[in-house]
PDB file of N, CA and C in Angstrom:
ATOM      1  N   MET A   1      77.171 127.817 109.785  1.00  0.00           N
ATOM      2  CA  MET A   1      76.864 126.551 110.442  1.00  0.00           C
ATOM      3  C   MET A   1      77.192 126.662 111.931  1.00  0.00           C
ATOM      4  N   THR A   2      76.387 126.033 112.758  1.00  0.00           N
ATOM      5  CA  THR A   2      76.560 126.073 114.204  1.00  0.00           C
ATOM      6  C   THR A   2      77.608 125.051 114.627  1.00  0.00           C
ATOM      7  N   ALA A   3      78.442 125.432 115.552  1.00  0.00           N
ATOM      8  CA  ALA A   3      79.462 124.522 116.069  1.00  0.00           C
ATOM      9  C   ALA A   3      78.807 123.404 116.858  1.00  0.00           C
ATOM     10  N   PRO A   4      79.357 122.182 116.784  1.00  0.00           N
ATOM     11  CA  PRO A   4      78.761 121.061 117.516  1.00  0.00           C
ATOM     12  C   PRO A   4      78.618 121.320 119.005  1.00  0.00           C
ATOM     13  N   SER A   5      79.573 122.018 119.620  1.00  0.00           N
ATOM     14  CA  SER A   5      79.475 122.272 121.057  1.00  0.00           C
ATOM     15  C   SER A   5      78.274 123.154 121.379  1.00  0.00           C
ATOM     16  N   ASN A   6      77.938 124.095 120.496  1.00  0.00           N
ATOM     17  CA  ASN A   6      76.755 124.927 120.704  1.00  0.00           C
ATOM     18  C   ASN A   6      75.487 124.104 120.591  1.00  0.00           C
ATOM     19  N   ASP A   7      75.462 123.155 119.652  1.00  0.00           N
ATOM     20  CA  ASP A   7      74.307 122.273 119.511  1.00  0.00           C
ATOM     21  C   ASP A   7      74.130 121.431 120.768  1.00  0.00           C
ATOM     22  N   ASN A   8      75.239 120.922 121.307  1.00  0.00           N
ATOM     23  CA  ASN A   8      75.174 120.120 122.530  1.00  0.00           C
ATOM     24  C   ASN A   8      74.691 120.956 123.703  1.00  0.00           C
ATOM     25  N   ALA A   9      75.167 122.185 123.799  1.00  0.00           N
ATOM     26  CA  ALA A   9      74.752 123.066 124.893  1.00  0.00           C
ATOM     27  C   ALA A   9      73.265 123.358 124.800  1.00  0.00           C
ATOM     28  N   ARG A  10      72.779 123.596 123.589  1.00  0.00           N
ATOM     29  CA  ARG A  10      71.346 123.864 123.407  1.00  0.00           C
ATOM     30  C   ARG A  10      70.508 122.635 123.733  1.00  0.00           C
ATOM     31  N   ALA A  11      70.997 121.459 123.336  1.00  0.00           N
ATOM     32  CA  ALA A  11      70.269 120.222 123.614  1.00  0.00           C
ATOM     33  C   ALA A  11      70.222 119.938 125.112  1.00  0.00           C
ATOM     34  N   ASP A  12      71.225 120.412 125.841  1.00  0.00           N
ATOM     35  CA  ASP A  12      71.303 120.191 127.285  1.00  0.00           C
ATOM     36  C   ASP A  12      70.431 121.177 128.068  1.00  0.00           C
ATOM     37  N   LEU A  13      69.988 122.240 127.415  1.00  0.00           N
ATOM     38  CA  LEU A  13      69.262 123.319 128.083  1.00  0.00           C
ATOM     39  C   LEU A  13      67.762 123.053 128.150  1.00  0.00           C
ATOM     40  N   LEU A  14      67.195 123.259 129.321  1.00  0.00           N
ATOM     41  CA  LEU A  14      65.744 123.212 129.515  1.00  0.00           C
ATOM     42  C   LEU A  14      65.292 124.619 129.863  1.00  0.00           C
ATOM     43  N   LEU A  15      64.420 125.190 129.050  1.00  0.00           N
ATOM     44  CA  LEU A  15      63.938 126.552 129.264  1.00  0.00           C
ATOM     45  C   LEU A  15      62.501 126.527 129.751  1.00  0.00           C
ATOM     46  N   GLY A  16      62.261 127.097 130.906  1.00  0.00           N
ATOM     47  CA  GLY A  16      60.922 127.201 131.464  1.00  0.00           C
ATOM     48  C   GLY A  16      60.608 126.084 132.440  1.00  0.00           C
ATOM     49  N   ALA A  17      59.802 126.426 133.425  1.00  0.00           N
ATOM     50  CA  ALA A  17      59.404 125.446 134.440  1.00  0.00           C
ATOM     51  C   ALA A  17      58.680 124.247 133.839  1.00  0.00           C
ATOM     52  N   PRO A  18      57.813 124.441 132.827  1.00  0.00           N
ATOM     53  CA  PRO A  18      57.155 123.270 132.239  1.00  0.00           C
ATOM     54  C   PRO A  18      58.143 122.265 131.631  1.00  0.00           C
ATOM     55  N   ALA A  19      59.188 122.751 130.973  1.00  0.00           N
ATOM     56  CA  ALA A  19      60.191 121.853 130.386  1.00  0.00           C
ATOM     57  C   ALA A  19      60.973 121.128 131.475  1.00  0.00           C
ATOM     58  N   ILE A  20      61.318 121.843 132.526  1.00  0.00           N
ATOM     59  CA  ILE A  20      62.034 121.235 133.650  1.00  0.00           C
ATOM     60  C   ILE A  20      61.138 120.201 134.328  1.00  0.00           C
ATOM     61  N   ALA A  21      59.879 120.551 134.512  1.00  0.00           N
ATOM     62  CA  ALA A  21      58.921 119.641 135.143  1.00  0.00           C
ATOM     63  C   ALA A  21      58.754 118.362 134.332  1.00  0.00           C
ATOM     64  N   GLU A  22      58.632 118.507 133.025  1.00  0.00           N
ATOM     65  CA  GLU A  22      58.483 117.326 132.169  1.00  0.00           C
ATOM     66  C   GLU A  22      59.709 116.429 132.279  1.00  0.00           C
ATOM     67  N   PHE A  23      60.886 117.023 132.275  1.00  0.00           N
ATOM     68  CA  PHE A  23      62.128 116.261 132.397  1.00  0.00           C
ATOM     69  C   PHE A  23      62.174 115.500 133.722  1.00  0.00           C
ATOM     70  N   LEU A  24      61.747 116.145 134.805  1.00  0.00           N
ATOM     71  CA  LEU A  24      61.791 115.529 136.134  1.00  0.00           C
ATOM     72  C   LEU A  24      60.589 114.633 136.419  1.00  0.00           C
ATOM     73  N   GLY A  25      59.538 114.756 135.611  1.00  0.00           N
ATOM     74  CA  GLY A  25      58.338 113.957 135.837  1.00  0.00           C
ATOM     75  C   GLY A  25      57.485 114.481 136.978  1.00  0.00           C
ATOM     76  N   ILE A  26      57.520 115.796 137.172  1.00  0.00           N
ATOM     77  CA  ILE A  26      56.709 116.433 138.209  1.00  0.00           C
ATOM     78  C   ILE A  26      55.930 117.586 137.582  1.00  0.00           C
ATOM     79  N   LYS A  27      55.134 118.271 138.382  1.00  0.00           N
ATOM     80  CA  LYS A  27      54.355 119.407 137.889  1.00  0.00           C
ATOM     81  C   LYS A  27      55.181 120.691 137.956  1.00  0.00           C
ATOM     82  N   ALA A  28      54.848 121.632 137.081  1.00  0.00           N
ATOM     83  CA  ALA A  28      55.553 122.920 137.054  1.00  0.00           C
ATOM     84  C   ALA A  28      55.456 123.613 138.406  1.00  0.00           C
ATOM     85  N   ARG A  29      54.327 123.474 139.071  1.00  0.00           N
ATOM     86  CA  ARG A  29      54.161 124.084 140.393  1.00  0.00           C
ATOM     87  C   ARG A  29      55.203 123.551 141.379  1.00  0.00           C
ATOM     88  N   GLN A  30      55.500 122.260 141.281  1.00  0.00           N
ATOM     89  CA  GLN A  30      56.511 121.666 142.152  1.00  0.00           C
ATOM     90  C   GLN A  30      57.906 122.203 141.820  1.00  0.00           C
ATOM     91  N   VAL A  31      58.152 122.441 140.543  1.00  0.00           N
ATOM     92  CA  VAL A  31      59.431 123.035 140.135  1.00  0.00           C
ATOM     93  C   VAL A  31      59.583 124.401 140.783  1.00  0.00           C
ATOM     94  N   TYR A  32      58.537 125.229 140.683  1.00  0.00           N
ATOM     95  CA  TYR A  32      58.596 126.563 141.285  1.00  0.00           C
ATOM     96  C   TYR A  32      58.829 126.477 142.792  1.00  0.00           C
ATOM     97  N   ARG A  33      58.220 125.503 143.445  1.00  0.00           N
ATOM     98  CA  ARG A  33      58.400 125.347 144.891  1.00  0.00           C
ATOM     99  C   ARG A  33      59.848 124.964 145.221  1.00  0.00           C
ATOM    100  N   LEU A  34      60.403 124.032 144.450  1.00  0.00           N
ATOM    101  CA  LEU A  34      61.795 123.632 144.665  1.00  0.00           C
ATOM    102  C   LEU A  34      62.747 124.800 144.434  1.00  0.00           C
ATOM    103  N   ILE A  35      62.432 125.631 143.444  1.00  0.00           N
ATOM    104  CA  ILE A  35      63.249 126.819 143.184  1.00  0.00           C
ATOM    105  C   ILE A  35      63.117 127.793 144.348  1.00  0.00           C
ATOM    106  N   TYR A  36      61.885 128.027 144.794  1.00  0.00           N
ATOM    107  CA  TYR A  36      61.636 128.948 145.906  1.00  0.00           C
ATOM    108  C   TYR A  36      62.390 128.502 147.159  1.00  0.00           C
ATOM    109  N   ASP A  37      62.404 127.200 147.399  1.00  0.00           N
ATOM    110  CA  ASP A  37      63.099 126.644 148.564  1.00  0.00           C
ATOM    111  C   ASP A  37      64.605 126.497 148.328  1.00  0.00           C
ATOM    112  N   ASP A  38      65.075 126.932 147.176  1.00  0.00           N
ATOM    113  CA  ASP A  38      66.492 126.881 146.804  1.00  0.00           C
ATOM    114  C   ASP A  38      67.034 125.450 146.842  1.00  0.00           C
ATOM    115  N   LEU A  39      66.235 124.508 146.359  1.00  0.00           N
ATOM    116  CA  LEU A  39      66.621 123.107 146.351  1.00  0.00           C
ATOM    117  C   LEU A  39      66.972 122.591 144.965  1.00  0.00           C
ATOM    118  N   LEU A  40      66.574 123.314 143.931  1.00  0.00           N
ATOM    119  CA  LEU A  40      66.769 122.867 142.556  1.00  0.00           C
ATOM    120  C   LEU A  40      67.816 123.741 141.872  1.00  0.00           C
ATOM    121  N   PRO A  41      68.816 123.131 141.230  1.00  0.00           N
ATOM    122  CA  PRO A  41      69.865 123.921 140.574  1.00  0.00           C
ATOM    123  C   PRO A  41      69.372 124.529 139.259  1.00  0.00           C
ATOM    124  N   THR A  42      68.955 125.775 139.322  1.00  0.00           N
ATOM    125  CA  THR A  42      68.443 126.474 138.146  1.00  0.00           C
ATOM    126  C   THR A  42      69.127 127.826 138.019  1.00  0.00           C
ATOM    127  N   PHE A  43      68.869 128.482 136.908  1.00  0.00           N
ATOM    128  CA  PHE A  43      69.362 129.834 136.662  1.00  0.00           C
ATOM    129  C   PHE A  43      68.355 130.533 135.764  1.00  0.00           C
ATOM    130  N   LYS A  44      68.544 131.814 135.547  1.00  0.00           N
ATOM    131  CA  LYS A  44      67.622 132.589 134.720  1.00  0.00           C
ATOM    132  C   LYS A  44      68.265 132.918 133.378  1.00  0.00           C
ATOM    133  N   VAL A  45      67.462 132.854 132.337  1.00  0.00           N
ATOM    134  CA  VAL A  45      67.848 133.299 130.999  1.00  0.00           C
ATOM    135  C   VAL A  45      66.811 134.329 130.592  1.00  0.00           C
ATOM    136  N   GLY A  46      67.186 135.586 130.695  1.00  0.00           N
ATOM    137  CA  GLY A  46      66.259 136.653 130.340  1.00  0.00           C
ATOM    138  C   GLY A  46      64.962 136.621 131.123  1.00  0.00           C
ATOM    139  N   GLY A  47      65.029 136.272 132.379  1.00  0.00           N
ATOM    140  CA  GLY A  47      63.833 136.238 133.211  1.00  0.00           C
ATOM    141  C   GLY A  47      63.106 134.900 133.206  1.00  0.00           C
ATOM    142  N   THR A  48      63.541 133.980 132.373  1.00  0.00           N
ATOM    143  CA  THR A  48      62.931 132.650 132.305  1.00  0.00           C
ATOM    144  C   THR A  48      63.800 131.668 133.068  1.00  0.00           C
ATOM    145  N   VAL A  49      63.173 130.866 133.911  1.00  0.00           N
ATOM    146  CA  VAL A  49      63.922 129.862 134.660  1.00  0.00           C
ATOM    147  C   VAL A  49      64.455 128.817 133.676  1.00  0.00           C
ATOM    148  N   ALA A  50      65.679 128.366 133.927  1.00  0.00           N
ATOM    149  CA  ALA A  50      66.321 127.393 133.052  1.00  0.00           C
ATOM    150  C   ALA A  50      67.175 126.442 133.879  1.00  0.00           C
ATOM    151  N   ALA A  51      67.466 125.296 133.287  1.00  0.00           N
ATOM    152  CA  ALA A  51      68.344 124.317 133.923  1.00  0.00           C
ATOM    153  C   ALA A  51      68.990 123.486 132.826  1.00  0.00           C
ATOM    154  N   ARG A  52      70.059 122.836 133.178  1.00  0.00           N
ATOM    155  CA  ARG A  52      70.723 121.927 132.243  1.00  0.00           C
ATOM    156  C   ARG A  52      70.370 120.493 132.619  1.00  0.00           C
ATOM    157  N   ARG A  53      70.075 119.698 131.611  1.00  0.00           N
ATOM    158  CA  ARG A  53      69.762 118.289 131.850  1.00  0.00           C
ATOM    159  C   ARG A  53      70.893 117.622 132.630  1.00  0.00           C
ATOM    160  N   SER A  54      72.120 117.882 132.227  1.00  0.00           N
ATOM    161  CA  SER A  54      73.278 117.262 132.883  1.00  0.00           C
ATOM    162  C   SER A  54      73.353 117.646 134.362  1.00  0.00           C
ATOM    163  N   THR A  55      73.061 118.894 134.680  1.00  0.00           N
ATOM    164  CA  THR A  55      73.080 119.349 136.070  1.00  0.00           C
ATOM    165  C   THR A  55      71.957 118.697 136.860  1.00  0.00           C
ATOM    166  N   LEU A  56      70.779 118.587 136.250  1.00  0.00           N
ATOM    167  CA  LEU A  56      69.651 117.953 136.938  1.00  0.00           C
ATOM    168  C   LEU A  56      69.908 116.462 137.147  1.00  0.00           C
ATOM    169  N   ASN A  57      70.526 115.802 136.172  1.00  0.00           N
ATOM    170  CA  ASN A  57      70.866 114.387 136.354  1.00  0.00           C
ATOM    171  C   ASN A  57      71.822 114.207 137.526  1.00  0.00           C
ATOM    172  N   LYS A  58      72.799 115.087 137.648  1.00  0.00           N
ATOM    173  CA  LYS A  58      73.736 115.037 138.784  1.00  0.00           C
ATOM    174  C   LYS A  58      72.996 115.305 140.094  1.00  0.00           C
ATOM    175  N   TRP A  59      72.076 116.284 140.074  1.00  0.00           N
ATOM    176  CA  TRP A  59      71.278 116.604 141.257  1.00  0.00           C
ATOM    177  C   TRP A  59      70.460 115.383 141.686  1.00  0.00           C
ATOM    178  N   ILE A  60      69.874 114.679 140.720  1.00  0.00           N
ATOM    179  CA  ILE A  60      69.093 113.473 141.022  1.00  0.00           C
ATOM    180  C   ILE A  60      69.995 112.416 141.660  1.00  0.00           C
ATOM    181  N   GLU A  61      71.177 112.216 141.090  1.00  0.00           N
ATOM    182  CA  GLU A  61      72.129 111.256 141.668  1.00  0.00           C
ATOM    183  C   GLU A  61      72.477 111.624 143.103  1.00  0.00           C
ATOM    184  N   ASP A  62      72.695 112.904 143.351  1.00  0.00           N
ATOM    185  CA  ASP A  62      73.014 113.370 144.705  1.00  0.00           C
ATOM    186  C   ASP A  62      71.849 113.130 145.658  1.00  0.00           C
ATOM    187  N   GLN A  63      70.619 113.332 145.178  1.00  0.00           N
ATOM    188  CA  GLN A  63      69.436 113.103 146.005  1.00  0.00           C
ATOM    189  C   GLN A  63      69.312 111.623 146.354  1.00  0.00           C
ATOM    190  N   GLU A  64      69.592 110.764 145.372  1.00  0.00           N
ATOM    191  CA  GLU A  64      69.531 109.319 145.612  1.00  0.00           C
ATOM    192  C   GLU A  64      70.596 108.887 146.620  1.00  0.00           C
ATOM    193  N   ALA A  65      71.779 109.443 146.502  1.00  0.00           N
ATOM    194  CA  ALA A  65      72.871 109.081 147.410  1.00  0.00           C
ATOM    195  C   ALA A  65      72.581 109.527 148.839  1.00  0.00           C
ATOM    196  N   ALA A  66      71.885 110.646 148.971  1.00  0.00           N
ATOM    197  CA  ALA A  66      71.575 111.181 150.299  1.00  0.00           C
ATOM    198  C   ALA A  66      70.424 110.431 150.963  1.00  0.00           C
ATOM    199  N   ALA A  67      69.637 109.716 150.179  1.00  0.00           N
ATOM    200  CA  ALA A  67      68.451 109.030 150.719  1.00  0.00           C
ATOM    201  C   ALA A  67      68.818 107.759 151.448  1.00  0.00           C
TER     202      ALA A  67
END
């Protein structure tokens, strides 16, 4: 059986630009641009771009505060 913390970590993980884009409500192309410009907090998992929902929510809050 999987530990609850592992389930939570998996649920928090977004794998691939399309998943990140859907979460943010933008296009995958925009995700790639934000990554290229080093503006989006992402990391790689085996060559695939990934992000955590919790990290992106914090990033959104920071963007709102800066506006």
